[in-house]
């Protein structure tokens, strides 16, 4: 048993830890008969089988989610390129308008 005391006299803190529950569980398991151990092993096998089935289902769903994320990232990259191209086009148009205005102000109009 481990006891931890902390804090002040006006506000003390106590923490008690023990592995008694683990010791009792081990003692109980050691007292099982062979038929009880067999039933416990059978139950453990059933539980592990159920967990295995769920894990395989979840793995498939995880693969689906990962493929959707990859597709979304690809779409995002394509959208970014499209937006950049449109932005470049708008900037180029505005730059041409400004140049035309400047040419007009300096008498070099077309």
PDB file of N, CA and C in Angstrom:
ATOM      1  N   UNK A   1       0.856  -1.170   0.000  1.00  0.00           N
ATOM      2  CA  UNK A   1       0.000   0.000   0.000  1.00  0.00           C
ATOM      3  C   UNK A   1       0.902   1.233   0.000  1.00  0.00           C
ATOM      4  N   UNK A   2       0.518   2.212  -0.814  1.00  0.00           N
ATOM      5  CA  UNK A   2       1.269   3.449  -0.905  1.00  0.00           C
ATOM      6  C   UNK A   2       0.363   4.593  -0.467  1.00  0.00           C
ATOM      7  N   UNK A   3       0.885   5.452   0.392  1.00  0.00           N
ATOM      8  CA  UNK A   3       0.113   6.589   0.880  1.00  0.00           C
ATOM      9  C   UNK A   3       0.897   7.850   0.576  1.00  0.00           C
ATOM     10  N   UNK A   4       0.222   8.805  -0.068  1.00  0.00           N
ATOM     11  CA  UNK A   4       0.843  10.072  -0.421  1.00  0.00           C
ATOM     12  C   UNK A   4       0.106  11.192   0.304  1.00  0.00           C
ATOM     13  N   UNK A   5       0.862  11.975   1.058  1.00  0.00           N
ATOM     14  CA  UNK A   5       0.292  13.120   1.761  1.00  0.00           C
ATOM     15  C   UNK A   5       0.865  14.383   1.138  1.00  0.00           C
ATOM     16  N   UNK A   6       0.000  15.348   0.835  1.00  0.00           N
ATOM     17  CA  UNK A   6       0.482  16.621   0.311  1.00  0.00           C
ATOM     18  C   UNK A   6      -0.453  17.733   0.764  1.00  0.00           C
ATOM     19  N   UNK A   7      -0.116  18.937   0.419  1.00  0.00           N
ATOM     20  CA  UNK A   7      -0.928  20.076   0.807  1.00  0.00           C
ATOM     21  C   UNK A   7      -0.412  20.736   2.078  1.00  0.00           C
ATOM     22  N   UNK A   8      -1.248  21.575   2.631  1.00  0.00           N
ATOM     23  CA  UNK A   8      -0.889  22.294   3.861  1.00  0.00           C
ATOM     24  C   UNK A   8      -1.719  21.745   5.014  1.00  0.00           C
ATOM     25  N   UNK A   9      -1.427  22.231   6.235  1.00  0.00           N
ATOM     26  CA  UNK A   9      -2.197  21.781   7.390  1.00  0.00           C
ATOM     27  C   UNK A   9      -3.662  22.181   7.277  1.00  0.00           C
ATOM     28  N   UNK A  10      -3.916  23.351   6.707  1.00  0.00           N
ATOM     29  CA  UNK A  10      -5.301  23.817   6.587  1.00  0.00           C
ATOM     30  C   UNK A  10      -6.012  23.171   5.392  1.00  0.00           C
ATOM     31  N   UNK A  11      -5.238  22.635   4.441  1.00  0.00           N
ATOM     32  CA  UNK A  11      -5.833  22.007   3.258  1.00  0.00           C
ATOM     33  C   UNK A  11      -5.011  20.772   2.875  1.00  0.00           C
ATOM     34  N   UNK A  12      -5.096  19.718   3.696  1.00  0.00           N
ATOM     35  CA  UNK A  12      -4.273  18.531   3.415  1.00  0.00           C
ATOM     36  C   UNK A  12      -4.851  17.714   2.263  1.00  0.00           C
ATOM     37  N   UNK A  13      -3.954  16.971   1.609  1.00  0.00           N
ATOM     38  CA  UNK A  13      -4.378  16.064   0.550  1.00  0.00           C
ATOM     39  C   UNK A  13      -3.861  14.671   0.843  1.00  0.00           C
ATOM     40  N   UNK A  14      -4.718  13.665   0.639  1.00  0.00           N
ATOM     41  CA  UNK A  14      -4.357  12.279   0.891  1.00  0.00           C
ATOM     42  C   UNK A  14      -4.587  11.481  -0.377  1.00  0.00           C
ATOM     43  N   UNK A  15      -3.668  10.567  -0.660  1.00  0.00           N
ATOM     44  CA  UNK A  15      -3.810   9.691  -1.811  1.00  0.00           C
ATOM     45  C   UNK A  15      -3.316   8.310  -1.397  1.00  0.00           C
ATOM     46  N   UNK A  16      -4.201   7.338  -1.467  1.00  0.00           N
ATOM     47  CA  UNK A  16      -3.840   5.974  -1.075  1.00  0.00           C
ATOM     48  C   UNK A  16      -3.967   5.081  -2.300  1.00  0.00           C
ATOM     49  N   UNK A  17      -2.900   4.315  -2.581  1.00  0.00           N
ATOM     50  CA  UNK A  17      -2.903   3.392  -3.710  1.00  0.00           C
ATOM     51  C   UNK A  17      -2.577   1.993  -3.200  1.00  0.00           C
ATOM     52  N   UNK A  18      -3.209   1.011  -3.860  1.00  0.00           N
ATOM     53  CA  UNK A  18      -2.939  -0.375  -3.487  1.00  0.00           C
ATOM     54  C   UNK A  18      -3.165  -1.253  -4.706  1.00  0.00           C
ATOM     55  N   UNK A  19      -2.426  -2.337  -4.796  1.00  0.00           N
ATOM     56  CA  UNK A  19      -2.655  -3.302  -5.856  1.00  0.00           C
ATOM     57  C   UNK A  19      -3.419  -4.509  -5.327  1.00  0.00           C
ATOM     58  N   UNK A  20      -4.184  -4.281  -4.260  1.00  0.00           N
ATOM     59  CA  UNK A  20      -4.937  -5.358  -3.633  1.00  0.00           C
ATOM     60  C   UNK A  20      -5.943  -5.964  -4.606  1.00  0.00           C
ATOM     61  N   UNK A  21      -6.573  -5.132  -5.452  1.00  0.00           N
ATOM     62  CA  UNK A  21      -7.538  -5.667  -6.409  1.00  0.00           C
ATOM     63  C   UNK A  21      -6.865  -6.632  -7.382  1.00  0.00           C
ATOM     64  N   UNK A  22      -5.639  -6.304  -7.809  1.00  0.00           N
ATOM     65  CA  UNK A  22      -4.906  -7.220  -8.685  1.00  0.00           C
ATOM     66  C   UNK A  22      -4.532  -8.502  -7.955  1.00  0.00           C
ATOM     67  N   UNK A  23      -4.143  -8.379  -6.707  1.00  0.00           N
ATOM     68  CA  UNK A  23      -3.786  -9.558  -5.916  1.00  0.00           C
ATOM     69  C   UNK A  23      -4.997 -10.465  -5.713  1.00  0.00           C
ATOM     70  N   UNK A  24      -6.168  -9.871  -5.434  1.00  0.00           N
ATOM     71  CA  UNK A  24      -7.389 -10.668  -5.247  1.00  0.00           C
ATOM     72  C   UNK A  24      -7.796 -11.355  -6.545  1.00  0.00           C
ATOM     73  N   UNK A  25      -7.673 -10.658  -7.664  1.00  0.00           N
ATOM     74  CA  UNK A  25      -8.023 -11.251  -8.959  1.00  0.00           C
ATOM     75  C   UNK A  25      -7.108 -12.433  -9.266  1.00  0.00           C
ATOM     76  N   UNK A  26      -5.817 -12.272  -9.019  1.00  0.00           N
ATOM     77  CA  UNK A  26      -4.876 -13.366  -9.247  1.00  0.00           C
ATOM     78  C   UNK A  26      -5.181 -14.557  -8.324  1.00  0.00           C
ATOM     79  N   UNK A  27      -5.524 -14.269  -7.093  1.00  0.00           N
ATOM     80  CA  UNK A  27      -5.860 -15.341  -6.150  1.00  0.00           C
ATOM     81  C   UNK A  27      -7.115 -16.072  -6.602  1.00  0.00           C
ATOM     82  N   UNK A  28      -8.118 -15.332  -7.074  1.00  0.00           N
ATOM     83  CA  UNK A  28      -9.353 -15.945  -7.546  1.00  0.00           C
ATOM     84  C   UNK A  28      -9.085 -16.797  -8.780  1.00  0.00           C
ATOM     85  N   UNK A  29      -8.277 -16.315  -9.693  1.00  0.00           N
ATOM     86  CA  UNK A  29      -7.964 -17.081 -10.897  1.00  0.00           C
ATOM     87  C   UNK A  29      -7.195 -18.360 -10.577  1.00  0.00           C
ATOM     88  N   UNK A  30      -6.350 -18.291  -9.587  1.00  0.00           N
ATOM     89  CA  UNK A  30      -5.571 -19.481  -9.228  1.00  0.00           C
ATOM     90  C   UNK A  30      -6.443 -20.551  -8.586  1.00  0.00           C
ATOM     91  N   UNK A  31      -7.614 -20.174  -8.060  1.00  0.00           N
ATOM     92  CA  UNK A  31      -8.508 -21.130  -7.400  1.00  0.00           C
ATOM     93  C   UNK A  31      -9.532 -21.741  -8.351  1.00  0.00           C
ATOM     94  N   UNK A  32      -9.530 -21.334  -9.612  1.00  0.00           N
ATOM     95  CA  UNK A  32     -10.507 -21.873 -10.560  1.00  0.00           C
ATOM     96  C   UNK A  32     -10.228 -23.348 -10.825  1.00  0.00           C
ATOM     97  N   UNK A  33     -11.305 -24.096 -11.029  1.00  0.00           N
ATOM     98  CA  UNK A  33     -11.153 -25.503 -11.408  1.00  0.00           C
ATOM     99  C   UNK A  33     -10.857 -25.581 -12.903  1.00  0.00           C
ATOM    100  N   UNK A  34     -10.493 -26.773 -13.369  1.00  0.00           N
ATOM    101  CA  UNK A  34     -10.171 -26.929 -14.788  1.00  0.00           C
ATOM    102  C   UNK A  34     -11.364 -26.616 -15.683  1.00  0.00           C
ATOM    103  N   UNK A  35     -12.575 -27.027 -15.269  1.00  0.00           N
ATOM    104  CA  UNK A  35     -13.760 -26.754 -16.091  1.00  0.00           C
ATOM    105  C   UNK A  35     -14.051 -25.252 -16.112  1.00  0.00           C
ATOM    106  N   UNK A  36     -13.830 -24.585 -14.990  1.00  0.00           N
ATOM    107  CA  UNK A  36     -14.042 -23.133 -14.946  1.00  0.00           C
ATOM    108  C   UNK A  36     -13.005 -22.420 -15.811  1.00  0.00           C
ATOM    109  N   UNK A  37     -11.764 -22.931 -15.776  1.00  0.00           N
ATOM    110  CA  UNK A  37     -10.726 -22.331 -16.621  1.00  0.00           C
ATOM    111  C   UNK A  37     -11.062 -22.520 -18.101  1.00  0.00           C
ATOM    112  N   UNK A  38     -11.600 -23.681 -18.428  1.00  0.00           N
ATOM    113  CA  UNK A  38     -12.014 -23.942 -19.811  1.00  0.00           C
ATOM    114  C   UNK A  38     -13.102 -22.980 -20.259  1.00  0.00           C
ATOM    115  N   UNK A  39     -14.091 -22.768 -19.373  1.00  0.00           N
ATOM    116  CA  UNK A  39     -15.174 -21.833 -19.695  1.00  0.00           C
ATOM    117  C   UNK A  39     -14.638 -20.411 -19.833  1.00  0.00           C
ATOM    118  N   UNK A  40     -13.701 -20.030 -18.968  1.00  0.00           N
ATOM    119  CA  UNK A  40     -13.105 -18.703 -19.052  1.00  0.00           C
ATOM    120  C   UNK A  40     -12.328 -18.544 -20.358  1.00  0.00           C
ATOM    121  N   UNK A  41     -11.587 -19.582 -20.735  1.00  0.00           N
ATOM    122  CA  UNK A  41     -10.851 -19.535 -22.007  1.00  0.00           C
ATOM    123  C   UNK A  41     -11.813 -19.435 -23.187  1.00  0.00           C
ATOM    124  N   UNK A  42     -12.922 -20.182 -23.114  1.00  0.00           N
ATOM    125  CA  UNK A  42     -13.926 -20.137 -24.181  1.00  0.00           C
ATOM    126  C   UNK A  42     -14.524 -18.737 -24.293  1.00  0.00           C
ATOM    127  N   UNK A  43     -14.831 -18.134 -23.162  1.00  0.00           N
ATOM    128  CA  UNK A  43     -15.369 -16.769 -23.155  1.00  0.00           C
ATOM    129  C   UNK A  43     -14.361 -15.785 -23.731  1.00  0.00           C
ATOM    130  N   UNK A  44     -13.097 -15.934 -23.333  1.00  0.00           N
ATOM    131  CA  UNK A  44     -12.050 -15.053 -23.881  1.00  0.00           C
ATOM    132  C   UNK A  44     -11.935 -15.211 -25.391  1.00  0.00           C
ATOM    133  N   UNK A  45     -12.026 -16.444 -25.879  1.00  0.00           N
ATOM    134  CA  UNK A  45     -11.955 -16.689 -27.326  1.00  0.00           C
ATOM    135  C   UNK A  45     -13.123 -16.048 -28.054  1.00  0.00           C
ATOM    136  N   UNK A  46     -14.339 -16.172 -27.484  1.00  0.00           N
ATOM    137  CA  UNK A  46     -15.520 -15.550 -28.095  1.00  0.00           C
ATOM    138  C   UNK A  46     -15.361 -14.028 -28.154  1.00  0.00           C
ATOM    139  N   UNK A  47     -14.895 -13.451 -27.053  1.00  0.00           N
ATOM    140  CA  UNK A  47     -14.710 -11.992 -27.011  1.00  0.00           C
ATOM    141  C   UNK A  47     -13.664 -11.546 -28.024  1.00  0.00           C
ATOM    142  N   UNK A  48     -12.558 -12.288 -28.103  1.00  0.00           N
ATOM    143  CA  UNK A  48     -11.516 -11.944 -29.071  1.00  0.00           C
ATOM    144  C   UNK A  48     -12.022 -12.067 -30.504  1.00  0.00           C
ATOM    145  N   UNK A  49     -12.870 -13.064 -30.760  1.00  0.00           N
ATOM    146  CA  UNK A  49     -13.456 -13.232 -32.085  1.00  0.00           C
ATOM    147  C   UNK A  49     -14.360 -12.054 -32.428  1.00  0.00           C
ATOM    148  N   UNK A  50     -15.182 -11.640 -31.469  1.00  0.00           N
ATOM    149  CA  UNK A  50     -16.076 -10.492 -31.695  1.00  0.00           C
ATOM    150  C   UNK A  50     -15.260  -9.238 -31.961  1.00  0.00           C
ATOM    151  N   UNK A  51     -14.194  -9.059 -31.202  1.00  0.00           N
ATOM    152  CA  UNK A  51     -13.338  -7.880 -31.387  1.00  0.00           C
ATOM    153  C   UNK A  51     -12.674  -7.932 -32.752  1.00  0.00           C
ATOM    154  N   UNK A  52     -12.218  -9.115 -33.157  1.00  0.00           N
ATOM    155  CA  UNK A  52     -11.579  -9.259 -34.461  1.00  0.00           C
ATOM    156  C   UNK A  52     -12.517  -8.901 -35.594  1.00  0.00           C
ATOM    157  N   UNK A  53     -13.791  -9.355 -35.505  1.00  0.00           N
ATOM    158  CA  UNK A  53     -14.774  -9.015 -36.539  1.00  0.00           C
ATOM    159  C   UNK A  53     -15.000  -7.514 -36.616  1.00  0.00           C
ATOM    160  N   UNK A  54     -15.133  -6.883 -35.467  1.00  0.00           N
ATOM    161  CA  UNK A  54     -15.354  -5.442 -35.439  1.00  0.00           C
ATOM    162  C   UNK A  54     -14.145  -4.691 -35.991  1.00  0.00           C
ATOM    163  N   UNK A  55     -12.951  -5.188 -35.660  1.00  0.00           N
ATOM    164  CA  UNK A  55     -11.745  -4.527 -36.160  1.00  0.00           C
ATOM    165  C   UNK A  55     -11.663  -4.617 -37.677  1.00  0.00           C
ATOM    166  N   UNK A  56     -12.025  -5.758 -38.245  1.00  0.00           N
ATOM    167  CA  UNK A  56     -11.962  -5.886 -39.698  1.00  0.00           C
ATOM    168  C   UNK A  56     -12.990  -4.978 -40.366  1.00  0.00           C
ATOM    169  N   UNK A  57     -14.189  -4.854 -39.772  1.00  0.00           N
ATOM    170  CA  UNK A  57     -15.189  -3.934 -40.311  1.00  0.00           C
ATOM    171  C   UNK A  57     -14.697  -2.491 -40.254  1.00  0.00           C
ATOM    172  N   UNK A  58     -14.126  -2.134 -39.100  1.00  0.00           N
ATOM    173  CA  UNK A  58     -13.639  -0.765 -38.931  1.00  0.00           C
ATOM    174  C   UNK A  58     -12.457  -0.475 -39.856  1.00  0.00           C
ATOM    175  N   UNK A  59     -11.632  -1.476 -40.105  1.00  0.00           N
ATOM    176  CA  UNK A  59     -10.490  -1.283 -41.009  1.00  0.00           C
ATOM    177  C   UNK A  59     -10.985  -0.960 -42.408  1.00  0.00           C
ATOM    178  N   UNK A  60     -12.011  -1.672 -42.855  1.00  0.00           N
ATOM    179  CA  UNK A  60     -12.584  -1.386 -44.171  1.00  0.00           C
ATOM    180  C   UNK A  60     -13.146   0.019 -44.249  1.00  0.00           C
ATOM    181  N   UNK A  61     -13.845   0.428 -43.213  1.00  0.00           N
ATOM    182  CA  UNK A  61     -14.402   1.779 -43.189  1.00  0.00           C
ATOM    183  C   UNK A  61     -13.300   2.825 -43.140  1.00  0.00           C
ATOM    184  N   UNK A  62     -12.229   2.526 -42.433  1.00  0.00           N
ATOM    185  CA  UNK A  62     -11.106   3.454 -42.357  1.00  0.00           C
ATOM    186  C   UNK A  62     -10.458   3.631 -43.722  1.00  0.00           C
ATOM    187  N   UNK A  63     -10.343   2.549 -44.478  1.00  0.00           N
ATOM    188  CA  UNK A  63      -9.795   2.636 -45.836  1.00  0.00           C
ATOM    189  C   UNK A  63     -10.697   3.523 -46.691  1.00  0.00           C
ATOM    190  N   UNK A  64     -12.023   3.346 -46.556  1.00  0.00           N
ATOM    191  CA  UNK A  64     -12.965   4.182 -47.315  1.00  0.00           C
ATOM    192  C   UNK A  64     -12.815   5.654 -46.954  1.00  0.00           C
ATOM    193  N   UNK A  65     -12.695   5.941 -45.668  1.00  0.00           N
ATOM    194  CA  UNK A  65     -12.542   7.330 -45.223  1.00  0.00           C
ATOM    195  C   UNK A  65     -11.232   7.916 -45.748  1.00  0.00           C
ATOM    196  N   UNK A  66     -10.163   7.122 -45.708  1.00  0.00           N
ATOM    197  CA  UNK A  66      -8.873   7.603 -46.209  1.00  0.00           C
ATOM    198  C   UNK A  66      -8.929   7.884 -47.702  1.00  0.00           C
ATOM    199  N   UNK A  67      -9.623   7.039 -48.457  1.00  0.00           N
ATOM    200  CA  UNK A  67      -9.726   7.286 -49.900  1.00  0.00           C
ATOM    201  C   UNK A  67     -10.560   8.538 -50.177  1.00  0.00           C
ATOM    202  N   UNK A  68     -11.614   8.761 -49.368  1.00  0.00           N
ATOM    203  CA  UNK A  68     -12.407   9.982 -49.538  1.00  0.00           C
ATOM    204  C   UNK A  68     -11.578  11.217 -49.196  1.00  0.00           C
ATOM    205  N   UNK A  69     -10.761  11.119 -48.159  1.00  0.00           N
ATOM    206  CA  UNK A  69      -9.893  12.243 -47.808  1.00  0.00           C
ATOM    207  C   UNK A  69      -8.890  12.535 -48.913  1.00  0.00           C
ATOM    208  N   UNK A  70      -8.325  11.487 -49.487  1.00  0.00           N
ATOM    209  CA  UNK A  70      -7.374  11.678 -50.583  1.00  0.00           C
ATOM    210  C   UNK A  70      -8.051  12.332 -51.775  1.00  0.00           C
ATOM    211  N   UNK A  71      -9.260  11.878 -52.088  1.00  0.00           N
ATOM    212  CA  UNK A  71      -9.997  12.480 -53.207  1.00  0.00           C
ATOM    213  C   UNK A  71     -10.317  13.946 -52.921  1.00  0.00           C
ATOM    214  N   UNK A  72     -10.703  14.230 -51.684  1.00  0.00           N
ATOM    215  CA  UNK A  72     -11.016  15.618 -51.318  1.00  0.00           C
ATOM    216  C   UNK A  72      -9.772  16.493 -51.405  1.00  0.00           C
ATOM    217  N   UNK A  73      -8.621  15.953 -51.001  1.00  0.00           N
ATOM    218  CA  UNK A  73      -7.388  16.731 -51.095  1.00  0.00           C
ATOM    219  C   UNK A  73      -7.024  16.990 -52.551  1.00  0.00           C
ATOM    220  N   UNK A  74      -7.259  16.000 -53.410  1.00  0.00           N
ATOM    221  CA  UNK A  74      -7.017  16.197 -54.840  1.00  0.00           C
ATOM    222  C   UNK A  74      -7.934  17.269 -55.403  1.00  0.00           C
ATOM    223  N   UNK A  75      -9.207  17.213 -55.006  1.00  0.00           N
ATOM    224  CA  UNK A  75     -10.157  18.243 -55.449  1.00  0.00           C
ATOM    225  C   UNK A  75      -9.743  19.612 -54.943  1.00  0.00           C
ATOM    226  N   UNK A  76      -9.269  19.667 -53.719  1.00  0.00           N
ATOM    227  CA  UNK A  76      -8.828  20.928 -53.133  1.00  0.00           C
ATOM    228  C   UNK A  76      -7.660  21.507 -53.922  1.00  0.00           C
ATOM    229  N   UNK A  77      -6.720  20.647 -54.298  1.00  0.00           N
ATOM    230  CA  UNK A  77      -5.568  21.111 -55.072  1.00  0.00           C
ATOM    231  C   UNK A  77      -6.023  21.631 -56.438  1.00  0.00           C
ATOM    232  N   UNK A  78      -6.967  20.918 -57.071  1.00  0.00           N
ATOM    233  CA  UNK A  78      -7.477  21.355 -58.378  1.00  0.00           C
ATOM    234  C   UNK A  78      -8.197  22.700 -58.252  1.00  0.00           C
ATOM    235  N   UNK A  79      -8.973  22.864 -57.182  1.00  0.00           N
ATOM    236  CA  UNK A  79      -9.661  24.142 -56.961  1.00  0.00           C
ATOM    237  C   UNK A  79      -8.668  25.277 -56.721  1.00  0.00           C
ATOM    238  N   UNK A  80      -7.620  24.985 -55.967  1.00  0.00           N
ATOM    239  CA  UNK A  80      -6.591  26.005 -55.720  1.00  0.00           C
ATOM    240  C   UNK A  80      -5.950  26.448 -57.026  1.00  0.00           C
ATOM    241  N   UNK A  81      -5.646  25.476 -57.896  1.00  0.00           N
ATOM    242  CA  UNK A  81      -5.047  25.822 -59.192  1.00  0.00           C
ATOM    243  C   UNK A  81      -6.010  26.650 -60.023  1.00  0.00           C
ATOM    244  N   UNK A  82      -7.280  26.269 -60.027  1.00  0.00           N
ATOM    245  CA  UNK A  82      -8.286  27.016 -60.784  1.00  0.00           C
ATOM    246  C   UNK A  82      -8.422  28.435 -60.259  1.00  0.00           C
ATOM    247  N   UNK A  83      -8.480  28.586 -58.930  1.00  0.00           N
ATOM    248  CA  UNK A  83      -8.584  29.922 -58.346  1.00  0.00           C
ATOM    249  C   UNK A  83      -7.348  30.760 -58.652  1.00  0.00           C
ATOM    250  N   UNK A  84      -6.177  30.155 -58.604  1.00  0.00           N
ATOM    251  CA  UNK A  84      -4.947  30.887 -58.906  1.00  0.00           C
ATOM    252  C   UNK A  84      -4.947  31.340 -60.362  1.00  0.00           C
ATOM    253  N   UNK A  85      -5.405  30.470 -61.258  1.00  0.00           N
ATOM    254  CA  UNK A  85      -5.461  30.836 -62.677  1.00  0.00           C
ATOM    255  C   UNK A  85      -6.428  31.989 -62.897  1.00  0.00           C
ATOM    256  N   UNK A  86      -7.598  31.936 -62.247  1.00  0.00           N
ATOM    257  CA  UNK A  86      -8.568  33.029 -62.381  1.00  0.00           C
ATOM    258  C   UNK A  86      -8.008  34.323 -61.797  1.00  0.00           C
ATOM    259  N   UNK A  87      -7.349  34.215 -60.645  1.00  0.00           N
ATOM    260  CA  UNK A  87      -6.760  35.386 -60.021  1.00  0.00           C
ATOM    261  C   UNK A  87      -5.680  35.988 -60.920  1.00  0.00           C
ATOM    262  N   UNK A  88      -4.843  35.128 -61.478  1.00  0.00           N
ATOM    263  CA  UNK A  88      -3.806  35.617 -62.392  1.00  0.00           C
ATOM    264  C   UNK A  88      -4.430  36.314 -63.592  1.00  0.00           C
ATOM    265  N   UNK A  89      -5.536  35.760 -64.100  1.00  0.00           N
ATOM    266  CA  UNK A  89      -6.220  36.350 -65.243  1.00  0.00           C
ATOM    267  C   UNK A  89      -6.785  37.727 -64.886  1.00  0.00           C
ATOM    268  N   UNK A  90      -7.414  37.834 -63.717  1.00  0.00           N
ATOM    269  CA  UNK A  90      -7.987  39.114 -63.276  1.00  0.00           C
ATOM    270  C   UNK A  90      -6.874  40.135 -63.062  1.00  0.00           C
ATOM    271  N   UNK A  91      -5.775  39.720 -62.462  1.00  0.00           N
ATOM    272  CA  UNK A  91      -4.649  40.631 -62.242  1.00  0.00           C
ATOM    273  C   UNK A  91      -4.108  41.122 -63.580  1.00  0.00           C
ATOM    274  N   UNK A  92      -3.982  40.202 -64.528  1.00  0.00           N
ATOM    275  CA  UNK A  92      -3.467  40.578 -65.852  1.00  0.00           C
ATOM    276  C   UNK A  92      -4.416  41.567 -66.536  1.00  0.00           C
ATOM    277  N   UNK A  93      -5.724  41.335 -66.427  1.00  0.00           N
ATOM    278  CA  UNK A  93      -6.701  42.259 -67.023  1.00  0.00           C
ATOM    279  C   UNK A  93      -6.601  43.641 -66.390  1.00  0.00           C
ATOM    280  N   UNK A  94      -6.505  43.695 -65.067  1.00  0.00           N
ATOM    281  CA  UNK A  94      -6.408  44.980 -64.384  1.00  0.00           C
ATOM    282  C   UNK A  94      -5.107  45.686 -64.739  1.00  0.00           C
ATOM    283  N   UNK A  95      -4.047  44.917 -64.863  1.00  0.00           N
ATOM    284  CA  UNK A  95      -2.763  45.502 -65.234  1.00  0.00           C
ATOM    285  C   UNK A  95      -2.852  46.098 -66.633  1.00  0.00           C
ATOM    286  N   UNK A  96      -3.493  45.401 -67.561  1.00  0.00           N
ATOM    287  CA  UNK A  96      -3.662  45.916 -68.921  1.00  0.00           C
ATOM    288  C   UNK A  96      -4.514  47.182 -68.935  1.00  0.00           C
ATOM    289  N   UNK A  97      -5.580  47.213 -68.111  1.00  0.00           N
ATOM    290  CA  UNK A  97      -6.408  48.424 -68.026  1.00  0.00           C
ATOM    291  C   UNK A  97      -5.586  49.609 -67.530  1.00  0.00           C
ATOM    292  N   UNK A  98      -4.780  49.364 -66.483  1.00  0.00           N
ATOM    293  CA  UNK A  98      -3.949  50.433 -65.943  1.00  0.00           C
ATOM    294  C   UNK A  98      -2.944  50.936 -66.973  1.00  0.00           C
ATOM    295  N   UNK A  99      -2.335  50.001 -67.684  1.00  0.00           N
ATOM    296  CA  UNK A  99      -1.376  50.400 -68.721  1.00  0.00           C
ATOM    297  C   UNK A  99      -2.058  51.229 -69.807  1.00  0.00           C
ATOM    298  N   UNK A 100      -3.278  50.820 -70.180  1.00  0.00           N
ATOM    299  CA  UNK A 100      -4.019  51.574 -71.188  1.00  0.00           C
ATOM    300  C   UNK A 100      -4.329  52.982 -70.690  1.00  0.00           C
ATOM    301  N   UNK A 101      -4.710  53.108 -69.415  1.00  0.00           N
ATOM    302  CA  UNK A 101      -4.990  54.435 -68.843  1.00  0.00           C
ATOM    303  C   UNK A 101      -3.728  55.280 -68.829  1.00  0.00           C
ATOM    304  N   UNK A 102      -2.612  54.668 -68.437  1.00  0.00           N
ATOM    305  CA  UNK A 102      -1.358  55.421 -68.412  1.00  0.00           C
ATOM    306  C   UNK A 102      -0.951  55.865 -69.809  1.00  0.00           C
ATOM    307  N   UNK A 103      -1.134  54.995 -70.769  1.00  0.00           N
ATOM    308  CA  UNK A 103      -0.803  55.352 -72.152  1.00  0.00           C
ATOM    309  C   UNK A 103      -1.666  56.518 -72.600  1.00  0.00           C
ATOM    310  N   UNK A 104      -2.950  56.472 -72.209  1.00  0.00           N
ATOM    311  CA  UNK A 104      -3.872  57.551 -72.570  1.00  0.00           C
ATOM    312  C   UNK A 104      -3.479  58.861 -71.919  1.00  0.00           C
ATOM    313  N   UNK A 105      -2.995  58.818 -70.698  1.00  0.00           N
ATOM    314  CA  UNK A 105      -2.592  60.031 -69.996  1.00  0.00           C
ATOM    315  C   UNK A 105      -1.323  60.631 -70.605  1.00  0.00           C
ATOM    316  N   UNK A 106      -0.459  59.793 -71.124  1.00  0.00           N
ATOM    317  CA  UNK A 106       0.781  60.288 -71.712  1.00  0.00           C
ATOM    318  C   UNK A 106       0.686  60.471 -73.213  1.00  0.00           C
ATOM    319  N   UNK A 107      -0.536  60.326 -73.760  1.00  0.00           N
ATOM    320  CA  UNK A 107      -0.728  60.577 -75.173  1.00  0.00           C
ATOM    321  C   UNK A 107      -0.250  59.453 -76.075  1.00  0.00           C
ATOM    322  N   UNK A 108      -0.133  58.292 -75.536  1.00  0.00           N
ATOM    323  CA  UNK A 108       0.304  57.162 -76.355  1.00  0.00           C
ATOM    324  C   UNK A 108      -0.861  56.204 -76.577  1.00  0.00           C
ATOM    325  N   UNK A 109      -2.056  56.709 -76.630  1.00  0.00           N
ATOM    326  CA  UNK A 109      -3.234  55.855 -76.782  1.00  0.00           C
ATOM    327  C   UNK A 109      -3.223  55.146 -78.106  1.00  0.00           C
ATOM    328  N   UNK A 110      -3.956  54.081 -78.226  1.00  0.00           N
ATOM    329  CA  UNK A 110      -3.958  53.291 -79.443  1.00  0.00           C
ATOM    330  C   UNK A 110      -4.859  53.846 -80.473  1.00  0.00           C
TER     331      UNK A 110
END
